[in-house]
Amino acid sequence: MENADQLKEYREKRHFDRTSELGGTTRQGDSGSNSSPRFVIQKHQARNLHYDFRLEIDGVLKSWAVPKGPSTNPGVKRLAMMVEDHPLDYVDFEGTIPEHEYGAGTVMVWDTGHFRNLKDKPFAEAIHDGQLEVWLEGKKLQGGYALVRMGDIVDHRWLLVKMRDEDADAQRDPEASQPESALTGRTLEEIAAEASHAE
């Protein structure tokens, strides 16, 4: 059974007769026992370039906007602003959101894969408590990442930090060395150009 309320804010911000974004549905899920939940990191050239970090949790994509993108250096803490839940089918979304629409700009699937919960508590409880720890198995990013809320439960500011493990690398800069789409190999510019030709 769907829980439409989870995507209420997402749908209210968008006009689906104008944008190629997906209306999507939720699906009934648990709080972290899913054997192979998906994650996606989307590179989004909106008013400002940023990355959207999304985890499949409880039938939706829990989402954080990361202005400087994820790092593989455990010594680097990235601001991650929690935003509205997105539908699961958004995990494969690439394209251009039209001008004057919410989030207008070009979206690329920069990295994607599966993840698992590193904590004993369910994801919903971890989000409530303000600390998630996940293990990513992506095409570009692997290993442990922690999301830690900076304030109380109503604070949308979190920090995204690479955990100290065998995949940590203080010298690596995946944003610069691997700028292309993990799905199609296209650049943001190529995705935008294809969208303009299709109009």
Protein backbone atom coordinates (compact mmCIF):
# COMPACT_ATOMS: atom_id res chain seq x y z
CA MET A 1 0.00 0.00 0.00
CA GLU A 2 1.24 3.50 -0.88
CA ASN A 3 1.97 6.16 1.67
CA ALA A 4 1.28 9.27 -0.41
CA ASP A 5 2.17 11.59 2.47
CA GLN A 6 5.86 10.68 2.14
CA LEU A 7 5.97 12.36 -1.29
CA LYS A 8 3.49 15.17 -0.61
CA GLU A 9 6.17 17.88 -0.38
CA TYR A 10 7.95 16.53 -3.47
CA ARG A 11 4.76 16.63 -5.57
CA GLU A 12 3.64 20.04 -4.31
CA LYS A 13 6.87 21.63 -5.55
CA ARG A 14 6.56 20.33 -9.12
CA HIS A 15 4.35 20.68 -12.21
CA PHE A 16 4.51 17.27 -13.91
CA ASP A 17 2.94 18.61 -17.11
CA ARG A 18 6.05 20.81 -17.51
CA THR A 19 8.94 18.81 -16.09
CA SER A 20 10.34 15.44 -17.15
CA GLU A 21 10.81 14.54 -13.48
CA LEU A 22 8.90 11.50 -12.31
CA GLY A 23 5.76 11.71 -10.17
CA GLY A 24 6.63 8.34 -8.73
CA THR A 25 5.08 6.24 -6.06
CA THR A 26 6.21 5.00 -2.71
CA ARG A 27 6.33 1.36 -1.81
CA GLN A 28 5.84 -0.28 1.50
CA GLY A 29 9.20 -0.98 3.03
CA ASP A 30 10.95 -1.75 6.24
CA SER A 31 13.52 0.27 8.12
CA GLY A 32 16.72 -1.20 6.85
CA SER A 33 16.35 -4.95 6.45
CA ASN A 34 15.96 -4.61 2.66
CA SER A 35 18.71 -6.93 1.44
CA SER A 36 19.89 -4.61 -1.33
CA PRO A 37 18.59 -1.03 -1.12
CA ARG A 38 19.86 1.39 -3.76
CA PHE A 39 21.58 4.73 -3.49
CA VAL A 40 22.18 7.44 -6.05
CA ILE A 41 24.32 10.58 -6.07
CA GLN A 42 23.05 13.04 -8.66
CA LYS A 43 25.14 15.93 -9.91
CA HIS A 44 22.73 18.85 -10.29
CA GLN A 45 23.54 22.07 -12.12
CA ALA A 46 20.78 24.28 -10.75
CA ARG A 47 21.35 27.89 -9.61
CA ASN A 48 24.47 26.46 -8.00
CA LEU A 49 26.19 23.18 -8.81
CA HIS A 50 25.64 20.61 -6.05
CA TYR A 51 25.26 16.89 -5.50
CA ASP A 52 22.11 15.13 -4.25
CA PHE A 53 22.82 12.13 -2.00
CA ARG A 54 19.82 9.77 -1.92
CA LEU A 55 19.27 6.52 0.01
CA GLU A 56 16.41 4.06 -0.50
CA ILE A 57 14.78 3.95 2.92
CA ASP A 58 11.20 2.99 3.81
CA GLY A 59 9.86 3.10 0.25
CA VAL A 60 11.31 6.48 -0.79
CA LEU A 61 14.67 8.09 -1.48
CA LYS A 62 15.73 9.99 1.64
CA SER A 63 17.69 12.93 0.24
CA TRP A 64 20.41 15.41 1.15
CA ALA A 65 21.81 18.24 -0.99
CA VAL A 66 25.61 18.32 -0.70
CA PRO A 67 26.98 21.63 -2.05
CA LYS A 68 30.59 20.46 -2.50
CA GLY A 69 29.92 16.81 -3.23
CA PRO A 70 31.07 13.71 -1.34
CA SER A 71 34.72 13.27 -0.39
CA THR A 72 36.86 10.15 0.03
CA ASN A 73 38.97 11.95 2.66
CA PRO A 74 37.86 11.15 6.25
CA GLY A 75 39.29 14.49 7.36
CA VAL A 76 36.80 16.42 5.20
CA LYS A 77 33.28 17.13 6.49
CA ARG A 78 30.74 18.09 3.84
CA LEU A 79 27.59 20.05 4.64
CA ALA A 80 24.51 18.03 3.63
CA MET A 81 21.11 19.71 3.76
CA MET A 82 18.23 17.26 4.21
CA VAL A 83 15.55 17.92 1.59
CA GLU A 84 12.20 16.37 0.70
CA ASP A 85 11.87 12.64 0.03
CA HIS A 86 12.00 11.62 -3.62
CA PRO A 87 10.24 8.70 -5.36
CA LEU A 88 12.21 5.49 -5.89
CA ASP A 89 12.11 5.79 -9.68
CA TYR A 90 14.13 9.02 -9.35
CA VAL A 91 17.18 6.81 -8.81
CA ASP A 92 17.70 6.64 -12.61
CA PHE A 93 16.63 10.18 -13.47
CA GLU A 94 18.87 12.14 -15.83
CA GLY A 95 17.70 15.15 -17.79
CA THR A 96 17.00 18.85 -17.68
CA ILE A 97 14.37 20.41 -15.43
CA PRO A 98 12.84 23.36 -17.31
CA GLU A 99 13.45 26.99 -16.45
CA HIS A 100 11.02 28.43 -13.86
CA GLU A 101 10.44 24.95 -12.38
CA TYR A 102 11.64 23.93 -8.92
CA GLY A 103 15.28 22.80 -9.19
CA ALA A 104 15.59 24.05 -12.78
CA GLY A 105 18.78 22.79 -14.37
CA THR A 106 20.51 19.64 -15.54
CA VAL A 107 20.65 16.42 -13.51
CA MET A 108 23.14 13.57 -13.95
CA VAL A 109 23.44 10.22 -12.18
CA TRP A 110 27.00 10.75 -10.98
CA ASP A 111 27.17 7.53 -8.94
CA THR A 112 24.80 4.70 -8.16
CA GLY A 113 24.82 1.29 -6.54
CA HIS A 114 23.66 -0.50 -3.41
CA PHE A 115 24.26 0.14 0.27
CA ARG A 116 23.78 -1.47 3.65
CA ASN A 117 23.14 -0.26 7.16
CA LEU A 118 26.20 -0.31 9.43
CA LYS A 119 24.24 0.35 12.62
CA ASP A 120 22.11 -2.09 14.61
CA LYS A 121 19.13 0.27 14.71
CA PRO A 122 16.60 0.66 11.84
CA PHE A 123 17.11 3.59 9.47
CA ALA A 124 14.02 5.47 10.68
CA GLU A 125 15.37 5.41 14.22
CA ALA A 126 18.87 6.40 13.05
CA ILE A 127 17.45 9.42 11.16
CA HIS A 128 15.41 10.42 14.21
CA ASP A 129 18.55 10.18 16.36
CA GLY A 130 20.56 12.15 13.80
CA GLN A 131 23.23 9.63 12.84
CA LEU A 132 23.33 7.15 9.98
CA GLU A 133 26.23 4.94 8.98
CA VAL A 134 26.08 3.20 5.61
CA TRP A 135 28.40 1.09 3.47
CA LEU A 136 28.29 2.12 -0.21
CA GLU A 137 28.95 -0.25 -3.09
CA GLY A 138 28.91 2.25 -5.92
CA LYS A 139 30.59 2.63 -9.28
CA LYS A 140 32.71 5.51 -7.96
CA LEU A 141 32.34 5.49 -4.18
CA GLN A 142 32.80 2.53 -1.86
CA GLY A 143 33.06 2.00 1.86
CA GLY A 144 31.59 3.58 4.93
CA TYR A 145 29.96 7.02 5.09
CA ALA A 146 28.37 8.69 8.09
CA LEU A 147 25.59 11.28 8.04
CA VAL A 148 25.40 13.27 11.27
CA ARG A 149 22.78 15.92 12.02
CA MET A 150 24.28 19.16 13.33
CA GLY A 151 21.40 20.22 15.57
CA ASP A 152 18.11 18.97 16.96
CA ILE A 153 15.48 16.98 15.09
CA VAL A 154 14.10 19.97 13.17
CA ASP A 155 17.55 21.01 11.92
CA HIS A 156 18.05 20.18 8.23
CA ARG A 157 21.84 20.61 8.42
CA TRP A 158 23.82 17.39 8.45
CA LEU A 159 27.45 16.49 7.79
CA LEU A 160 28.50 13.80 5.30
CA VAL A 161 31.83 12.23 6.27
CA LYS A 162 33.87 9.38 4.81
CA MET A 163 34.63 6.81 7.48
CA ARG A 164 38.18 5.57 8.08
CA ASP A 165 38.38 2.25 6.23
CA GLU A 166 40.26 0.63 3.37
CA ASP A 167 38.39 2.77 0.83
CA ALA A 168 39.36 6.09 2.43
CA ASP A 169 41.75 8.13 0.28
CA ALA A 170 42.83 11.65 1.21
CA GLN A 171 44.44 12.21 -2.22
CA ARG A 172 41.59 11.07 -4.45
CA ASP A 173 39.22 13.65 -5.95
CA PRO A 174 36.44 11.64 -7.64
CA GLU A 175 34.44 14.73 -8.58
CA ALA A 176 37.33 16.02 -10.73
CA SER A 177 38.67 12.69 -12.01
CA GLN A 178 35.29 11.08 -12.75
CA PRO A 179 32.90 13.85 -13.80
CA GLU A 180 30.80 11.77 -16.22
CA SER A 181 27.49 9.99 -15.68
CA ALA A 182 27.74 6.56 -14.05
CA LEU A 183 24.81 5.45 -16.23
CA THR A 184 25.53 6.85 -19.67
CA GLY A 185 29.05 8.29 -19.61
CA ARG A 186 27.69 11.71 -20.61
CA THR A 187 28.78 15.04 -19.17
CA LEU A 188 26.33 17.58 -17.76
CA GLU A 189 26.87 19.65 -20.91
CA GLU A 190 26.01 16.70 -23.16
CA ILE A 191 22.84 15.93 -21.19
CA ALA A 192 21.78 19.59 -21.41
CA ALA A 193 22.53 19.73 -25.16
CA GLU A 194 20.51 16.58 -25.85
CA ALA A 195 17.59 17.98 -23.87
CA SER A 196 17.65 21.25 -25.84
CA HIS A 197 17.70 19.37 -29.16
CA ALA A 198 14.70 17.32 -28.08
CA GLU A 199 12.56 20.41 -27.43
